[in-house]
Amino acid sequence: MDRNAPDYLTDTPETSYQESKELIETWHNKGRLHYAITPRFAPTSSDEQLQLAGKLLSEYKDVYLHTHLSENKDECAWVQDLFPASTNYLDVYDQHKLLSERSVFAHGIHLCDNEYHRLHETGSAISFCPTSNLFIGSGLFKLNKAEEHKVNVGLGTDVGGGTSFSMLQTMNEAYKVIQLQNENLNPIKSLYLSTLGGARALRLDDKIGNLTVGSEADFIILDKKATPLLTSRLALSKGIEETLFVFMTIGDDRAIQATYSAGKCVHQR
């Protein structure tokens, strides 16, 4: 951030470029680590800073770009005031060459058809962050519009504005967001958005988000008897869809029996 933020949090276009470059050289592709160039969001970056972020993205072909996009209507209006030459919010990032197959934009609630089309055209992805969107009152993510335009979507918790790190809780809130639009989020699709959908959004589906031979084997084991409520409700389940639906609506961290990372158990209850 080099503007519209407290002085103690701001940098300059040049320092943001140099320090990010040093971090990329130090940490990117070291083990399982990947680096994301991260301008806070358009209002807190000048044209110069966004241009240098685009330069970094062109210099390192396999780094990520992450920022916010169209989270709420006041923000969209602010962006238009700050960048009058842009045709829409996404166009600000597009003009600075920040759209790519490794670009992930959080929220994407208030988008027009042209923006959805451009996201698809460039292979950019959206992170759907329902707990944050509901907590802040930003709006309802239009999953059907993203799917209609074949935009990659993953489910995200939003560590700043969200209310839970639990993907089960996030799936719960995602279901409500879709219900409020008189639509239904199938539990299989919800599981997909939390796993393979997110992996595809990050272009990492050859490594994570699935259990195919050769994957990095990141997975959890769910306990169907973690709580009395889960036990009684799941006893009535008639199939995998209903079981998943129960986990995503009344499940929480207590339902995680074990967590495996790269094939090794790293947590067990």
C-alpha atoms as a PDB file:
ATOM      1  CA  MET A   1       0.000   0.000   0.000  1.00  0.00           C
ATOM      2  CA  ASP A   2       1.380   3.405  -0.896  1.00  0.00           C
ATOM      3  CA  ARG A   3      -1.712   5.570  -0.341  1.00  0.00           C
ATOM      4  CA  ASN A   4      -5.052   5.786   1.494  1.00  0.00           C
ATOM      5  CA  ALA A   5      -3.637   3.884   4.474  1.00  0.00           C
ATOM      6  CA  PRO A   6      -1.941   4.758   7.796  1.00  0.00           C
ATOM      7  CA  ASP A   7       1.624   5.988   7.349  1.00  0.00           C
ATOM      8  CA  TYR A   8       3.064   3.152   9.421  1.00  0.00           C
ATOM      9  CA  LEU A   9       1.579   0.628   6.962  1.00  0.00           C
ATOM     10  CA  THR A  10       2.553   2.258   3.681  1.00  0.00           C
ATOM     11  CA  ASP A  11       5.574   1.672   1.488  1.00  0.00           C
ATOM     12  CA  THR A  12       6.557   3.127  -1.871  1.00  0.00           C
ATOM     13  CA  PRO A  13       6.257   1.683  -5.376  1.00  0.00           C
ATOM     14  CA  GLU A  14      10.005   1.066  -5.463  1.00  0.00           C
ATOM     15  CA  THR A  15      10.293  -0.506  -2.005  1.00  0.00           C
ATOM     16  CA  SER A  16       7.258  -2.715  -2.632  1.00  0.00           C
ATOM     17  CA  TYR A  17       8.904  -3.913  -5.846  1.00  0.00           C
ATOM     18  CA  GLN A  18      12.356  -4.492  -4.351  1.00  0.00           C
ATOM     19  CA  GLU A  19      11.185  -6.125  -1.131  1.00  0.00           C
ATOM     20  CA  SER A  20       8.742  -8.384  -2.980  1.00  0.00           C
ATOM     21  CA  LYS A  21      11.499  -9.359  -5.376  1.00  0.00           C
ATOM     22  CA  GLU A  22      13.745 -10.304  -2.444  1.00  0.00           C
ATOM     23  CA  LEU A  23      10.976 -12.372  -0.874  1.00  0.00           C
ATOM     24  CA  ILE A  24      10.297 -14.167  -4.146  1.00  0.00           C
ATOM     25  CA  GLU A  25      13.977 -15.014  -4.552  1.00  0.00           C
ATOM     26  CA  THR A  26      14.164 -16.221  -0.946  1.00  0.00           C
ATOM     27  CA  TRP A  27      10.965 -18.237  -0.589  1.00  0.00           C
ATOM     28  CA  HIS A  28       9.199 -18.989  -3.878  1.00  0.00           C
ATOM     29  CA  ASN A  29       9.282 -22.666  -4.851  1.00  0.00           C
ATOM     30  CA  LYS A  30      11.258 -23.555  -1.736  1.00  0.00           C
ATOM     31  CA  GLY A  31       9.734 -26.872  -0.739  1.00  0.00           C
ATOM     32  CA  ARG A  32       5.958 -26.432  -0.963  1.00  0.00           C
ATOM     33  CA  LEU A  33       6.055 -22.647  -0.648  1.00  0.00           C
ATOM     34  CA  HIS A  34       4.613 -20.333  -3.299  1.00  0.00           C
ATOM     35  CA  TYR A  35       4.725 -16.549  -3.329  1.00  0.00           C
ATOM     36  CA  ALA A  36       1.875 -14.197  -4.179  1.00  0.00           C
ATOM     37  CA  ILE A  37       2.396 -10.582  -5.225  1.00  0.00           C
ATOM     38  CA  THR A  38      -0.225  -8.840  -3.114  1.00  0.00           C
ATOM     39  CA  PRO A  39      -1.276  -5.236  -3.608  1.00  0.00           C
ATOM     40  CA  ARG A  40      -3.825  -4.692  -0.810  1.00  0.00           C
ATOM     41  CA  PHE A  41      -6.497  -3.610  -3.297  1.00  0.00           C
ATOM     42  CA  ALA A  42      -6.745  -0.953  -5.989  1.00  0.00           C
ATOM     43  CA  PRO A  43      -7.661   2.012  -3.717  1.00  0.00           C
ATOM     44  CA  THR A  44      -4.493   1.649  -1.625  1.00  0.00           C
ATOM     45  CA  SER A  45      -2.081   1.433  -4.557  1.00  0.00           C
ATOM     46  CA  SER A  46      -1.039   4.142  -6.964  1.00  0.00           C
ATOM     47  CA  ASP A  47      -0.730   3.532 -10.679  1.00  0.00           C
ATOM     48  CA  GLU A  48       3.033   3.286 -10.195  1.00  0.00           C
ATOM     49  CA  GLN A  49       2.759   0.584  -7.561  1.00  0.00           C
ATOM     50  CA  LEU A  50       0.300  -1.462  -9.619  1.00  0.00           C
ATOM     51  CA  GLN A  51       2.551  -1.114 -12.672  1.00  0.00           C
ATOM     52  CA  LEU A  52       5.506  -2.511 -10.722  1.00  0.00           C
ATOM     53  CA  ALA A  53       3.328  -5.354  -9.420  1.00  0.00           C
ATOM     54  CA  GLY A  54       2.572  -6.164 -13.054  1.00  0.00           C
ATOM     55  CA  LYS A  55       6.275  -6.018 -13.839  1.00  0.00           C
ATOM     56  CA  LEU A  56       6.996  -8.560 -11.091  1.00  0.00           C
ATOM     57  CA  LEU A  57       4.272 -10.834 -12.439  1.00  0.00           C
ATOM     58  CA  SER A  58       5.880 -10.738 -15.875  1.00  0.00           C
ATOM     59  CA  GLU A  59       9.382 -11.337 -14.496  1.00  0.00           C
ATOM     60  CA  TYR A  60       8.429 -14.442 -12.511  1.00  0.00           C
ATOM     61  CA  LYS A  61       6.168 -16.614 -14.633  1.00  0.00           C
ATOM     62  CA  ASP A  62       4.994 -18.950 -11.866  1.00  0.00           C
ATOM     63  CA  VAL A  63       4.306 -16.560  -8.964  1.00  0.00           C
ATOM     64  CA  TYR A  64       0.762 -15.680  -7.952  1.00  0.00           C
ATOM     65  CA  LEU A  65      -1.103 -12.395  -7.885  1.00  0.00           C
ATOM     66  CA  HIS A  66      -3.665 -11.909  -5.134  1.00  0.00           C
ATOM     67  CA  THR A  67      -5.835  -8.905  -4.332  1.00  0.00           C
ATOM     68  CA  HIS A  68      -9.448  -7.876  -3.711  1.00  0.00           C
ATOM     69  CA  LEU A  69     -12.060  -7.199  -6.376  1.00  0.00           C
ATOM     70  CA  SER A  70     -15.543  -5.652  -6.157  1.00  0.00           C
ATOM     71  CA  GLU A  71     -16.195  -6.506  -2.533  1.00  0.00           C
ATOM     72  CA  ASN A  72     -18.866  -3.885  -1.903  1.00  0.00           C
ATOM     73  CA  LYS A  73     -20.620  -1.136  -3.828  1.00  0.00           C
ATOM     74  CA  ASP A  74     -19.002   1.816  -2.030  1.00  0.00           C
ATOM     75  CA  GLU A  75     -15.588   0.333  -2.785  1.00  0.00           C
ATOM     76  CA  CYS A  76     -16.483  -0.019  -6.477  1.00  0.00           C
ATOM     77  CA  ALA A  77     -17.545   3.639  -6.619  1.00  0.00           C
ATOM     78  CA  TRP A  78     -14.301   4.667  -4.875  1.00  0.00           C
ATOM     79  CA  VAL A  79     -12.230   2.746  -7.409  1.00  0.00           C
ATOM     80  CA  GLN A  80     -14.041   4.486 -10.257  1.00  0.00           C
ATOM     81  CA  ASP A  81     -13.248   7.873  -8.694  1.00  0.00           C
ATOM     82  CA  LEU A  82      -9.593   6.980  -8.170  1.00  0.00           C
ATOM     83  CA  PHE A  83      -9.137   5.436 -11.628  1.00  0.00           C
ATOM     84  CA  PRO A  84     -11.444   7.442 -13.935  1.00  0.00           C
ATOM     85  CA  ALA A  85      -9.798   5.998 -17.049  1.00  0.00           C
ATOM     86  CA  SER A  86     -10.936   2.476 -16.139  1.00  0.00           C
ATOM     87  CA  THR A  87     -14.145   1.040 -17.574  1.00  0.00           C
ATOM     88  CA  ASN A  88     -14.780  -1.056 -14.446  1.00  0.00           C
ATOM     89  CA  TYR A  89     -13.027  -2.319 -11.303  1.00  0.00           C
ATOM     90  CA  LEU A  90     -11.362  -5.296 -12.979  1.00  0.00           C
ATOM     91  CA  ASP A  91     -10.109  -3.046 -15.758  1.00  0.00           C
ATOM     92  CA  VAL A  92      -7.849  -1.269 -13.254  1.00  0.00           C
ATOM     93  CA  TYR A  93      -5.959  -4.521 -12.724  1.00  0.00           C
ATOM     94  CA  ASP A  94      -6.174  -5.396 -16.400  1.00  0.00           C
ATOM     95  CA  GLN A  95      -4.566  -2.109 -17.445  1.00  0.00           C
ATOM     96  CA  HIS A  96      -1.659  -2.880 -15.123  1.00  0.00           C
ATOM     97  CA  LYS A  97      -1.241  -6.421 -16.506  1.00  0.00           C
ATOM     98  CA  LEU A  98      -2.324  -8.178 -13.318  1.00  0.00           C
ATOM     99  CA  LEU A  99      -4.702 -10.699 -14.865  1.00  0.00           C
ATOM    100  CA  SER A 100      -3.226 -14.142 -15.457  1.00  0.00           C
ATOM    101  CA  GLU A 101      -3.797 -17.853 -14.956  1.00  0.00           C
ATOM    102  CA  ARG A 102      -2.184 -17.452 -11.532  1.00  0.00           C
ATOM    103  CA  SER A 103      -4.205 -14.417 -10.432  1.00  0.00           C
ATOM    104  CA  VAL A 104      -6.757 -14.946  -7.667  1.00  0.00           C
ATOM    105  CA  PHE A 105      -9.207 -12.173  -6.802  1.00  0.00           C
ATOM    106  CA  ALA A 106     -11.072 -12.264  -3.488  1.00  0.00           C
ATOM    107  CA  HIS A 107     -14.836 -11.638  -3.394  1.00  0.00           C
ATOM    108  CA  GLY A 108     -15.883 -10.562  -6.926  1.00  0.00           C
ATOM    109  CA  ILE A 109     -19.438  -9.827  -5.820  1.00  0.00           C
ATOM    110  CA  HIS A 110     -20.441  -6.833  -7.943  1.00  0.00           C
ATOM    111  CA  LEU A 111     -19.193  -7.767 -11.414  1.00  0.00           C
ATOM    112  CA  CYS A 112     -20.634  -7.082 -14.851  1.00  0.00           C
ATOM    113  CA  ASP A 113     -20.701  -9.591 -17.709  1.00  0.00           C
ATOM    114  CA  ASN A 114     -17.623  -8.016 -19.295  1.00  0.00           C
ATOM    115  CA  GLU A 115     -15.656  -8.577 -16.102  1.00  0.00           C
ATOM    116  CA  TYR A 116     -16.729 -12.222 -15.861  1.00  0.00           C
ATOM    117  CA  HIS A 117     -15.773 -12.677 -19.511  1.00  0.00           C
ATOM    118  CA  ARG A 118     -12.349 -11.103 -18.996  1.00  0.00           C
ATOM    119  CA  LEU A 119     -11.673 -13.254 -15.928  1.00  0.00           C
ATOM    120  CA  HIS A 120     -12.443 -16.352 -17.977  1.00  0.00           C
ATOM    121  CA  GLU A 121     -10.435 -15.122 -20.956  1.00  0.00           C
ATOM    122  CA  THR A 122      -7.313 -14.570 -18.858  1.00  0.00           C
ATOM    123  CA  GLY A 123      -7.731 -17.688 -16.711  1.00  0.00           C
ATOM    124  CA  SER A 124      -8.014 -15.598 -13.560  1.00  0.00           C
ATOM    125  CA  ALA A 125      -9.895 -17.005 -10.560  1.00  0.00           C
ATOM    126  CA  ILE A 126     -12.257 -15.771  -7.851  1.00  0.00           C
ATOM    127  CA  SER A 127     -12.091 -16.699  -4.173  1.00  0.00           C
ATOM    128  CA  PHE A 128     -15.672 -16.890  -2.842  1.00  0.00           C
ATOM    129  CA  CYS A 129     -15.498 -15.747   0.813  1.00  0.00           C
ATOM    130  CA  PRO A 130     -19.003 -16.153   2.277  1.00  0.00           C
ATOM    131  CA  THR A 131     -18.338 -15.632   6.011  1.00  0.00           C
ATOM    132  CA  SER A 132     -16.669 -12.299   5.267  1.00  0.00           C
ATOM    133  CA  ASN A 133     -19.303 -11.229   2.748  1.00  0.00           C
ATOM    134  CA  LEU A 134     -22.119 -11.877   5.228  1.00  0.00           C
ATOM    135  CA  PHE A 135     -20.314 -10.469   8.277  1.00  0.00           C
ATOM    136  CA  ILE A 136     -19.381  -7.196   6.559  1.00  0.00           C
ATOM    137  CA  GLY A 137     -22.643  -7.045   4.601  1.00  0.00           C
ATOM    138  CA  SER A 138     -20.844  -6.775   1.277  1.00  0.00           C
ATOM    139  CA  GLY A 139     -23.397  -8.629  -0.830  1.00  0.00           C
ATOM    140  CA  LEU A 140     -24.129 -12.076  -2.243  1.00  0.00           C
ATOM    141  CA  PHE A 141     -21.658 -13.814  -4.529  1.00  0.00           C
ATOM    142  CA  LYS A 142     -23.252 -14.893  -7.813  1.00  0.00           C
ATOM    143  CA  LEU A 143     -21.851 -18.382  -8.248  1.00  0.00           C
ATOM    144  CA  ASN A 144     -24.177 -19.085 -11.168  1.00  0.00           C
ATOM    145  CA  LYS A 145     -22.801 -16.084 -13.095  1.00  0.00           C
ATOM    146  CA  ALA A 146     -19.226 -17.187 -12.515  1.00  0.00           C
ATOM    147  CA  GLU A 147     -20.085 -20.704 -13.668  1.00  0.00           C
ATOM    148  CA  GLU A 148     -22.007 -19.359 -16.658  1.00  0.00           C
ATOM    149  CA  HIS A 149     -18.826 -17.572 -17.792  1.00  0.00           C
ATOM    150  CA  LYS A 150     -16.624 -20.553 -16.849  1.00  0.00           C
ATOM    151  CA  VAL A 151     -14.583 -18.647 -14.294  1.00  0.00           C
ATOM    152  CA  ASN A 152     -12.537 -20.751 -11.865  1.00  0.00           C
ATOM    153  CA  VAL A 153     -13.894 -20.400  -8.325  1.00  0.00           C
ATOM    154  CA  GLY A 154     -12.554 -21.645  -5.012  1.00  0.00           C
ATOM    155  CA  LEU A 155     -14.016 -21.284  -1.529  1.00  0.00           C
ATOM    156  CA  GLY A 156     -12.059 -19.038   0.837  1.00  0.00           C
ATOM    157  CA  THR A 157     -12.229 -18.083   4.515  1.00  0.00           C
ATOM    158  CA  ASP A 158     -10.851 -14.501   4.250  1.00  0.00           C
ATOM    159  CA  VAL A 159      -8.497 -14.353   7.228  1.00  0.00           C
ATOM    160  CA  GLY A 160      -9.186 -10.642   7.821  1.00  0.00           C
ATOM    161  CA  GLY A 161     -12.923 -10.137   7.426  1.00  0.00           C
ATOM    162  CA  GLY A 162     -14.080 -13.717   7.826  1.00  0.00           C
ATOM    163  CA  THR A 163     -15.451 -15.252  11.024  1.00  0.00           C
ATOM    164  CA  SER A 164     -14.008 -18.763  10.846  1.00  0.00           C
ATOM    165  CA  PHE A 165     -11.026 -20.658   9.476  1.00  0.00           C
ATOM    166  CA  SER A 166     -13.125 -23.843   9.291  1.00  0.00           C
ATOM    167  CA  MET A 167     -13.973 -24.927   5.772  1.00  0.00           C
ATOM    168  CA  LEU A 168     -17.030 -26.755   7.137  1.00  0.00           C
ATOM    169  CA  GLN A 169     -18.303 -23.474   8.571  1.00  0.00           C
ATOM    170  CA  THR A 170     -17.405 -21.705   5.333  1.00  0.00           C
ATOM    171  CA  MET A 171     -19.416 -24.259   3.343  1.00  0.00           C
ATOM    172  CA  ASN A 172     -22.307 -23.615   5.751  1.00  0.00           C
ATOM    173  CA  GLU A 173     -22.211 -19.885   5.033  1.00  0.00           C
ATOM    174  CA  ALA A 174     -21.792 -20.446   1.288  1.00  0.00           C
ATOM    175  CA  TYR A 175     -24.998 -22.483   1.304  1.00  0.00           C
ATOM    176  CA  LYS A 176     -26.844 -19.553   2.931  1.00  0.00           C
ATOM    177  CA  VAL A 177     -25.458 -17.050   0.420  1.00  0.00           C
ATOM    178  CA  ILE A 178     -26.770 -19.148  -2.452  1.00  0.00           C
ATOM    179  CA  GLN A 179     -30.114 -19.806  -0.692  1.00  0.00           C
ATOM    180  CA  LEU A 180     -30.661 -16.051  -0.293  1.00  0.00           C
ATOM    181  CA  GLN A 181     -30.639 -15.870  -4.096  1.00  0.00           C
ATOM    182  CA  ASN A 182     -33.353 -18.530  -4.364  1.00  0.00           C
ATOM    183  CA  GLU A 183     -30.870 -21.115  -5.570  1.00  0.00           C
ATOM    184  CA  ASN A 184     -29.413 -24.259  -4.085  1.00  0.00           C
ATOM    185  CA  LEU A 185     -25.792 -25.232  -3.437  1.00  0.00           C
ATOM    186  CA  ASN A 186     -25.462 -28.974  -3.880  1.00  0.00           C
ATOM    187  CA  PRO A 187     -23.216 -30.497  -1.171  1.00  0.00           C
ATOM    188  CA  ILE A 188     -21.101 -32.230  -3.829  1.00  0.00           C
ATOM    189  CA  LYS A 189     -20.458 -28.864  -5.490  1.00  0.00           C
ATOM    190  CA  SER A 190     -19.723 -27.341  -2.106  1.00  0.00           C
ATOM    191  CA  LEU A 191     -17.128 -30.037  -1.413  1.00  0.00           C
ATOM    192  CA  TYR A 192     -15.684 -29.431  -4.885  1.00  0.00           C
ATOM    193  CA  LEU A 193     -15.322 -25.680  -4.249  1.00  0.00           C
ATOM    194  CA  SER A 194     -13.513 -26.459  -0.985  1.00  0.00           C
ATOM    195  CA  THR A 195     -11.086 -28.932  -2.525  1.00  0.00           C
ATOM    196  CA  LEU A 196     -10.509 -29.449  -6.230  1.00  0.00           C
ATOM    197  CA  GLY A 197     -12.137 -26.133  -7.183  1.00  0.00           C
ATOM    198  CA  GLY A 198      -9.697 -24.242  -5.000  1.00  0.00           C
ATOM    199  CA  ALA A 199      -6.797 -26.296  -6.321  1.00  0.00           C
ATOM    200  CA  ARG A 200      -7.807 -25.513  -9.904  1.00  0.00           C
ATOM    201  CA  ALA A 201      -8.134 -21.821  -9.053  1.00  0.00           C
ATOM    202  CA  LEU A 202      -4.497 -21.991  -7.912  1.00  0.00           C
ATOM    203  CA  ARG A 203      -3.411 -24.186 -10.844  1.00  0.00           C
ATOM    204  CA  LEU A 204      -2.306 -26.794  -8.324  1.00  0.00           C
ATOM    205  CA  ASP A 205      -4.826 -29.531  -9.146  1.00  0.00           C
ATOM    206  CA  ASP A 206      -1.986 -31.790 -10.283  1.00  0.00           C
ATOM    207  CA  LYS A 207      -0.761 -31.758  -6.670  1.00  0.00           C
ATOM    208  CA  ILE A 208      -3.623 -31.035  -4.256  1.00  0.00           C
ATOM    209  CA  GLY A 209      -7.399 -31.015  -3.999  1.00  0.00           C
ATOM    210  CA  ASN A 210      -7.845 -34.680  -4.906  1.00  0.00           C
ATOM    211  CA  LEU A 211      -6.771 -38.180  -3.934  1.00  0.00           C
ATOM    212  CA  THR A 212      -5.414 -39.370  -7.268  1.00  0.00           C
ATOM    213  CA  VAL A 213      -2.213 -41.420  -7.404  1.00  0.00           C
ATOM    214  CA  GLY A 214       0.755 -39.062  -7.245  1.00  0.00           C
ATOM    215  CA  SER A 215      -1.033 -36.240  -5.427  1.00  0.00           C
ATOM    216  CA  GLU A 216       0.575 -34.687  -2.357  1.00  0.00           C
ATOM    217  CA  ALA A 217      -2.002 -36.365  -0.104  1.00  0.00           C
ATOM    218  CA  ASP A 218      -3.400 -33.455   1.884  1.00  0.00           C
ATOM    219  CA  PHE A 219      -6.681 -34.588   3.393  1.00  0.00           C
ATOM    220  CA  ILE A 220      -8.793 -34.754   6.537  1.00  0.00           C
ATOM    221  CA  ILE A 221     -10.733 -37.584   8.156  1.00  0.00           C
ATOM    222  CA  LEU A 222     -14.197 -36.648   9.390  1.00  0.00           C
ATOM    223  CA  ASP A 223     -15.719 -38.247  12.487  1.00  0.00           C
ATOM    224  CA  LYS A 224     -19.413 -39.082  12.012  1.00  0.00           C
ATOM    225  CA  LYS A 225     -19.843 -39.350  15.790  1.00  0.00           C
ATOM    226  CA  ALA A 226     -17.946 -36.216  16.795  1.00  0.00           C
ATOM    227  CA  THR A 227     -20.952 -34.703  18.574  1.00  0.00           C
ATOM    228  CA  PRO A 228     -24.295 -36.088  19.782  1.00  0.00           C
ATOM    229  CA  LEU A 229     -26.089 -33.949  17.181  1.00  0.00           C
ATOM    230  CA  LEU A 230     -23.951 -35.278  14.307  1.00  0.00           C
ATOM    231  CA  THR A 231     -24.394 -38.834  15.564  1.00  0.00           C
ATOM    232  CA  SER A 232     -28.190 -38.632  15.667  1.00  0.00           C
ATOM    233  CA  ARG A 233     -28.533 -36.698  12.421  1.00  0.00           C
ATOM    234  CA  LEU A 234     -26.135 -38.847  10.394  1.00  0.00           C
ATOM    235  CA  ALA A 235     -27.888 -42.004  11.592  1.00  0.00           C
ATOM    236  CA  LEU A 236     -30.753 -40.875   9.356  1.00  0.00           C
ATOM    237  CA  SER A 237     -28.553 -40.129   6.320  1.00  0.00           C
ATOM    238  CA  LYS A 238     -29.606 -41.919   3.146  1.00  0.00           C
ATOM    239  CA  GLY A 239     -26.494 -41.310   1.034  1.00  0.00           C
ATOM    240  CA  ILE A 240     -23.261 -39.433   0.489  1.00  0.00           C
ATOM    241  CA  GLU A 241     -24.945 -36.175  -0.540  1.00  0.00           C
ATOM    242  CA  GLU A 242     -27.018 -36.068   2.620  1.00  0.00           C
ATOM    243  CA  THR A 243     -23.988 -36.990   4.728  1.00  0.00           C
ATOM    244  CA  LEU A 244     -21.978 -34.158   3.228  1.00  0.00           C
ATOM    245  CA  PHE A 245     -24.910 -31.794   3.697  1.00  0.00           C
ATOM    246  CA  VAL A 246     -25.065 -32.625   7.394  1.00  0.00           C
ATOM    247  CA  PHE A 247     -21.310 -32.104   7.829  1.00  0.00           C
ATOM    248  CA  MET A 248     -21.430 -28.756   6.014  1.00  0.00           C
ATOM    249  CA  THR A 249     -24.418 -27.441   7.997  1.00  0.00           C
ATOM    250  CA  ILE A 250     -23.896 -28.665  11.565  1.00  0.00           C
ATOM    251  CA  GLY A 251     -20.283 -29.838  11.477  1.00  0.00           C
ATOM    252  CA  ASP A 252     -17.422 -27.829  12.963  1.00  0.00           C
ATOM    253  CA  ASP A 253     -13.790 -28.256  14.041  1.00  0.00           C
ATOM    254  CA  ARG A 254     -14.792 -31.056  16.407  1.00  0.00           C
ATOM    255  CA  ALA A 255     -15.653 -33.193  13.385  1.00  0.00           C
ATOM    256  CA  ILE A 256     -12.016 -33.217  12.210  1.00  0.00           C
ATOM    257  CA  GLN A 257     -10.683 -36.518  13.510  1.00  0.00           C
ATOM    258  CA  ALA A 258      -7.303 -36.259  11.775  1.00  0.00           C
ATOM    259  CA  THR A 259      -5.428 -34.031   9.351  1.00  0.00           C
ATOM    260  CA  TYR A 260      -2.830 -35.306   6.893  1.00  0.00           C
ATOM    261  CA  SER A 261      -0.298 -33.143   5.072  1.00  0.00           C
ATOM    262  CA  ALA A 262       1.857 -34.676   2.337  1.00  0.00           C
ATOM    263  CA  GLY A 263       0.701 -38.087   3.511  1.00  0.00           C
ATOM    264  CA  LYS A 264       1.739 -37.583   7.143  1.00  0.00           C
ATOM    265  CA  CYS A 265      -0.632 -37.204  10.070  1.00  0.00           C
ATOM    266  CA  VAL A 266      -0.037 -33.730  11.495  1.00  0.00           C
ATOM    267  CA  HIS A 267      -3.058 -33.555  13.805  1.00  0.00           C
ATOM    268  CA  GLN A 268      -5.175 -36.153  15.531  1.00  0.00           C
ATOM    269  CA  ARG A 269      -8.000 -35.657  18.014  1.00  0.00           C
END
